[in-house]
Structures are given as structure tokens and as C-alpha cells.
N, C-alpha and C. Protein backbone atom coordinates (compact mmCIF):
# COMPACT_ATOMS: atom_id res chain seq x y z
N MET A 1 0.81 -1.19 0.00
CA MET A 1 0.00 0.00 0.00
C MET A 1 0.86 1.26 0.00
N GLN A 2 2.12 1.12 0.30
CA GLN A 2 3.00 2.27 0.32
C GLN A 2 4.25 1.97 -0.48
N ALA A 3 4.90 2.99 -0.94
CA ALA A 3 6.13 2.79 -1.69
C ALA A 3 7.34 2.64 -0.78
N PHE A 4 7.25 3.07 0.45
CA PHE A 4 8.40 3.04 1.34
C PHE A 4 8.67 1.66 1.93
N ASN A 5 7.65 0.87 2.17
CA ASN A 5 7.87 -0.45 2.77
C ASN A 5 8.67 -1.39 1.88
N PRO A 6 8.39 -1.49 0.58
CA PRO A 6 9.26 -2.33 -0.26
C PRO A 6 10.69 -1.79 -0.32
N PHE A 7 10.84 -0.50 -0.23
CA PHE A 7 12.17 0.10 -0.22
C PHE A 7 12.94 -0.34 1.03
N ILE A 8 12.29 -0.29 2.17
CA ILE A 8 12.94 -0.68 3.43
C ILE A 8 13.27 -2.17 3.42
N GLN A 9 12.38 -2.99 2.88
CA GLN A 9 12.65 -4.42 2.77
C GLN A 9 13.77 -4.69 1.79
N GLY A 10 13.82 -3.92 0.72
CA GLY A 10 14.83 -4.12 -0.31
C GLY A 10 16.24 -3.81 0.15
N ILE A 11 16.39 -2.82 1.04
CA ILE A 11 17.72 -2.50 1.53
C ILE A 11 18.12 -3.40 2.69
N GLY A 12 17.21 -4.24 3.15
CA GLY A 12 17.55 -5.24 4.15
C GLY A 12 17.40 -4.80 5.59
N ASN A 13 16.64 -3.78 5.85
CA ASN A 13 16.44 -3.34 7.23
C ASN A 13 15.21 -4.07 7.79
N ALA A 14 15.43 -5.28 8.25
CA ALA A 14 14.33 -6.13 8.71
C ALA A 14 13.72 -5.60 10.01
N ARG A 15 14.51 -5.02 10.87
CA ARG A 15 13.99 -4.52 12.15
C ARG A 15 13.00 -3.38 11.91
N LEU A 16 13.37 -2.43 11.08
CA LEU A 16 12.47 -1.31 10.81
C LEU A 16 11.23 -1.79 10.06
N SER A 17 11.39 -2.73 9.16
CA SER A 17 10.25 -3.29 8.44
C SER A 17 9.28 -3.98 9.41
N LEU A 18 9.81 -4.71 10.38
CA LEU A 18 8.97 -5.36 11.38
C LEU A 18 8.25 -4.33 12.24
N ILE A 19 8.96 -3.30 12.65
CA ILE A 19 8.34 -2.26 13.48
C ILE A 19 7.21 -1.57 12.73
N ILE A 20 7.45 -1.24 11.47
CA ILE A 20 6.41 -0.57 10.69
C ILE A 20 5.24 -1.52 10.43
N GLY A 21 5.52 -2.80 10.20
CA GLY A 21 4.45 -3.77 10.01
C GLY A 21 3.59 -3.94 11.24
N LEU A 22 4.21 -4.00 12.41
CA LEU A 22 3.44 -4.10 13.65
C LEU A 22 2.67 -2.82 13.93
N MET A 23 3.30 -1.70 13.62
CA MET A 23 2.62 -0.42 13.79
C MET A 23 1.39 -0.35 12.87
N ASP A 24 1.54 -0.85 11.66
CA ASP A 24 0.45 -0.82 10.70
C ASP A 24 -0.70 -1.71 11.16
N GLY A 25 -0.37 -2.93 11.54
CA GLY A 25 -1.41 -3.89 11.88
C GLY A 25 -2.06 -3.66 13.23
N VAL A 26 -1.27 -3.42 14.24
CA VAL A 26 -1.80 -3.36 15.60
C VAL A 26 -2.15 -1.93 16.01
N VAL A 27 -1.19 -1.06 15.93
CA VAL A 27 -1.40 0.30 16.44
C VAL A 27 -2.34 1.09 15.54
N ALA A 28 -2.01 1.15 14.25
CA ALA A 28 -2.76 2.04 13.37
C ALA A 28 -4.14 1.48 13.02
N ARG A 29 -4.18 0.29 12.44
CA ARG A 29 -5.47 -0.22 11.96
C ARG A 29 -6.44 -0.52 13.11
N ILE A 30 -5.99 -1.28 14.11
CA ILE A 30 -6.89 -1.62 15.21
C ILE A 30 -7.16 -0.40 16.09
N GLY A 31 -6.12 0.40 16.33
CA GLY A 31 -6.30 1.59 17.16
C GLY A 31 -7.25 2.59 16.55
N LEU A 32 -7.08 2.88 15.27
CA LEU A 32 -7.99 3.82 14.62
C LEU A 32 -9.39 3.24 14.48
N PHE A 33 -9.47 1.93 14.23
CA PHE A 33 -10.78 1.30 14.18
C PHE A 33 -11.52 1.47 15.51
N LEU A 34 -10.84 1.18 16.61
CA LEU A 34 -11.48 1.33 17.91
C LEU A 34 -11.81 2.77 18.23
N LEU A 35 -10.94 3.68 17.83
CA LEU A 35 -11.22 5.10 18.07
C LEU A 35 -12.46 5.56 17.33
N PHE A 36 -12.53 5.27 16.05
CA PHE A 36 -13.66 5.76 15.26
C PHE A 36 -14.95 4.99 15.53
N GLU A 37 -14.83 3.68 15.78
CA GLU A 37 -16.04 2.87 15.96
C GLU A 37 -16.57 2.94 17.39
N GLN A 38 -15.71 2.73 18.38
CA GLN A 38 -16.18 2.63 19.76
C GLN A 38 -16.29 3.99 20.45
N VAL A 39 -15.30 4.85 20.23
CA VAL A 39 -15.28 6.12 20.96
C VAL A 39 -16.14 7.18 20.26
N LEU A 40 -15.95 7.31 18.95
CA LEU A 40 -16.66 8.36 18.22
C LEU A 40 -17.98 7.90 17.61
N HIS A 41 -18.29 6.58 17.69
CA HIS A 41 -19.55 6.00 17.21
C HIS A 41 -19.86 6.40 15.77
N MET A 42 -18.90 6.18 14.88
CA MET A 42 -19.06 6.58 13.48
C MET A 42 -19.60 5.44 12.61
N GLY A 43 -19.74 4.26 13.14
CA GLY A 43 -20.30 3.15 12.38
C GLY A 43 -19.34 2.63 11.32
N MET A 44 -19.91 2.18 10.21
CA MET A 44 -19.12 1.60 9.14
C MET A 44 -18.20 2.64 8.50
N PHE A 45 -18.61 3.87 8.46
CA PHE A 45 -17.75 4.93 7.93
C PHE A 45 -16.48 5.06 8.76
N GLY A 46 -16.58 4.89 10.06
CA GLY A 46 -15.42 4.93 10.94
C GLY A 46 -14.47 3.77 10.70
N VAL A 47 -15.02 2.60 10.38
CA VAL A 47 -14.18 1.45 10.07
C VAL A 47 -13.38 1.71 8.80
N LEU A 48 -14.05 2.19 7.77
CA LEU A 48 -13.37 2.47 6.51
C LEU A 48 -12.38 3.63 6.64
N LEU A 49 -12.73 4.63 7.40
CA LEU A 49 -11.84 5.76 7.61
C LEU A 49 -10.59 5.34 8.38
N GLY A 50 -10.76 4.50 9.38
CA GLY A 50 -9.62 4.00 10.14
C GLY A 50 -8.69 3.15 9.30
N TYR A 51 -9.26 2.33 8.44
CA TYR A 51 -8.46 1.49 7.55
C TYR A 51 -7.68 2.35 6.56
N THR A 52 -8.30 3.39 6.07
CA THR A 52 -7.65 4.28 5.10
C THR A 52 -6.56 5.12 5.74
N LEU A 53 -6.82 5.67 6.89
CA LEU A 53 -5.84 6.55 7.56
C LEU A 53 -4.65 5.79 8.13
N ALA A 54 -4.78 4.49 8.30
CA ALA A 54 -3.68 3.69 8.85
C ALA A 54 -2.47 3.70 7.94
N THR A 55 -2.67 3.82 6.65
CA THR A 55 -1.53 3.86 5.73
C THR A 55 -0.71 5.12 5.92
N TYR A 56 -1.36 6.21 6.27
CA TYR A 56 -0.64 7.46 6.50
C TYR A 56 0.14 7.43 7.82
N VAL A 57 -0.40 6.73 8.81
CA VAL A 57 0.29 6.62 10.10
C VAL A 57 1.62 5.89 9.94
N THR A 58 1.65 4.86 9.12
CA THR A 58 2.89 4.11 8.93
C THR A 58 3.79 4.72 7.86
N ALA A 59 3.23 5.55 7.01
CA ALA A 59 4.05 6.18 5.97
C ALA A 59 4.95 7.27 6.55
N ILE A 60 4.54 7.88 7.64
CA ILE A 60 5.32 8.98 8.21
C ILE A 60 6.69 8.53 8.70
N PRO A 61 6.82 7.48 9.54
CA PRO A 61 8.17 7.07 9.95
C PRO A 61 9.00 6.53 8.80
N ALA A 62 8.37 5.87 7.84
CA ALA A 62 9.11 5.37 6.69
C ALA A 62 9.63 6.52 5.82
N MET A 63 8.83 7.55 5.66
CA MET A 63 9.25 8.70 4.89
C MET A 63 10.37 9.46 5.60
N VAL A 64 10.28 9.57 6.91
CA VAL A 64 11.35 10.22 7.67
C VAL A 64 12.65 9.43 7.53
N TYR A 65 12.57 8.10 7.56
CA TYR A 65 13.76 7.26 7.39
C TYR A 65 14.37 7.47 6.01
N PHE A 66 13.53 7.54 4.99
CA PHE A 66 14.04 7.72 3.64
C PHE A 66 14.64 9.11 3.45
N LEU A 67 13.96 10.13 3.90
CA LEU A 67 14.43 11.50 3.69
C LEU A 67 15.64 11.85 4.55
N SER A 68 15.81 11.15 5.67
CA SER A 68 16.96 11.45 6.53
C SER A 68 18.27 10.97 5.91
N GLY A 69 18.21 9.98 5.04
CA GLY A 69 19.41 9.47 4.39
C GLY A 69 20.20 8.48 5.21
N VAL A 70 19.66 8.01 6.31
CA VAL A 70 20.35 7.03 7.16
C VAL A 70 20.57 5.73 6.39
N TRP A 71 19.68 5.40 5.48
CA TRP A 71 19.78 4.16 4.71
C TRP A 71 21.00 4.15 3.80
N LYS A 72 21.53 5.31 3.46
CA LYS A 72 22.72 5.36 2.60
C LYS A 72 23.97 4.89 3.33
N LYS A 73 23.97 4.96 4.65
CA LYS A 73 25.15 4.62 5.45
C LYS A 73 25.17 3.16 5.88
N ARG A 74 24.15 2.37 5.52
CA ARG A 74 24.13 0.96 5.89
C ARG A 74 25.20 0.21 5.10
N LYS A 75 25.88 -0.69 5.77
CA LYS A 75 26.93 -1.48 5.13
C LYS A 75 26.31 -2.69 4.43
N LEU A 76 26.92 -3.07 3.33
CA LEU A 76 26.49 -4.26 2.61
C LEU A 76 27.03 -5.51 3.33
N LEU A 77 26.27 -6.57 3.26
CA LEU A 77 26.68 -7.81 3.90
C LEU A 77 27.36 -8.76 2.93
N VAL A 78 27.80 -8.27 1.81
CA VAL A 78 28.42 -9.12 0.78
C VAL A 78 29.82 -9.50 1.19
């Protein structure tokens, strides 16, 4: 769903990929679902809105990682 996750997997940063994956599945999707459905009582619209906004929650740390240039300093394991 995002362009940054395949990039992070491709450079071999498994730890960051796992963190973003857990953030996407547990924190963002379930958290936003519960916020919109249970707290704000938005119904099915809240479920869809939470699912849609979860991609933006996980895109922010991945974009910061890419724009910071830290990935350029990783050593190759060859």
C-alpha cells in the first residue's frame, strides 16, 4: 500500500520493516478502528476511515527514514 515499505525491505532493514508492520497492523489499523467505531460512534464509515488513515500513520516514519538518508550509510553484507 505504500512505496516506502518495499524500499525498506529491499535494503535489508528487517527490524524497521517489522516495526512498521506491527505499527500498521496493531497500532494504526486496530487503534484507529477502535477510536472511530467505539469512541466516536461513526459506524461503518469509521471502520473504513480508520483502515484508510492507517496507511498514513505508517508512511510517516518510513518517509522520515528515507528522507533522513540514514539508509545510505548501511553497510552491505556481501
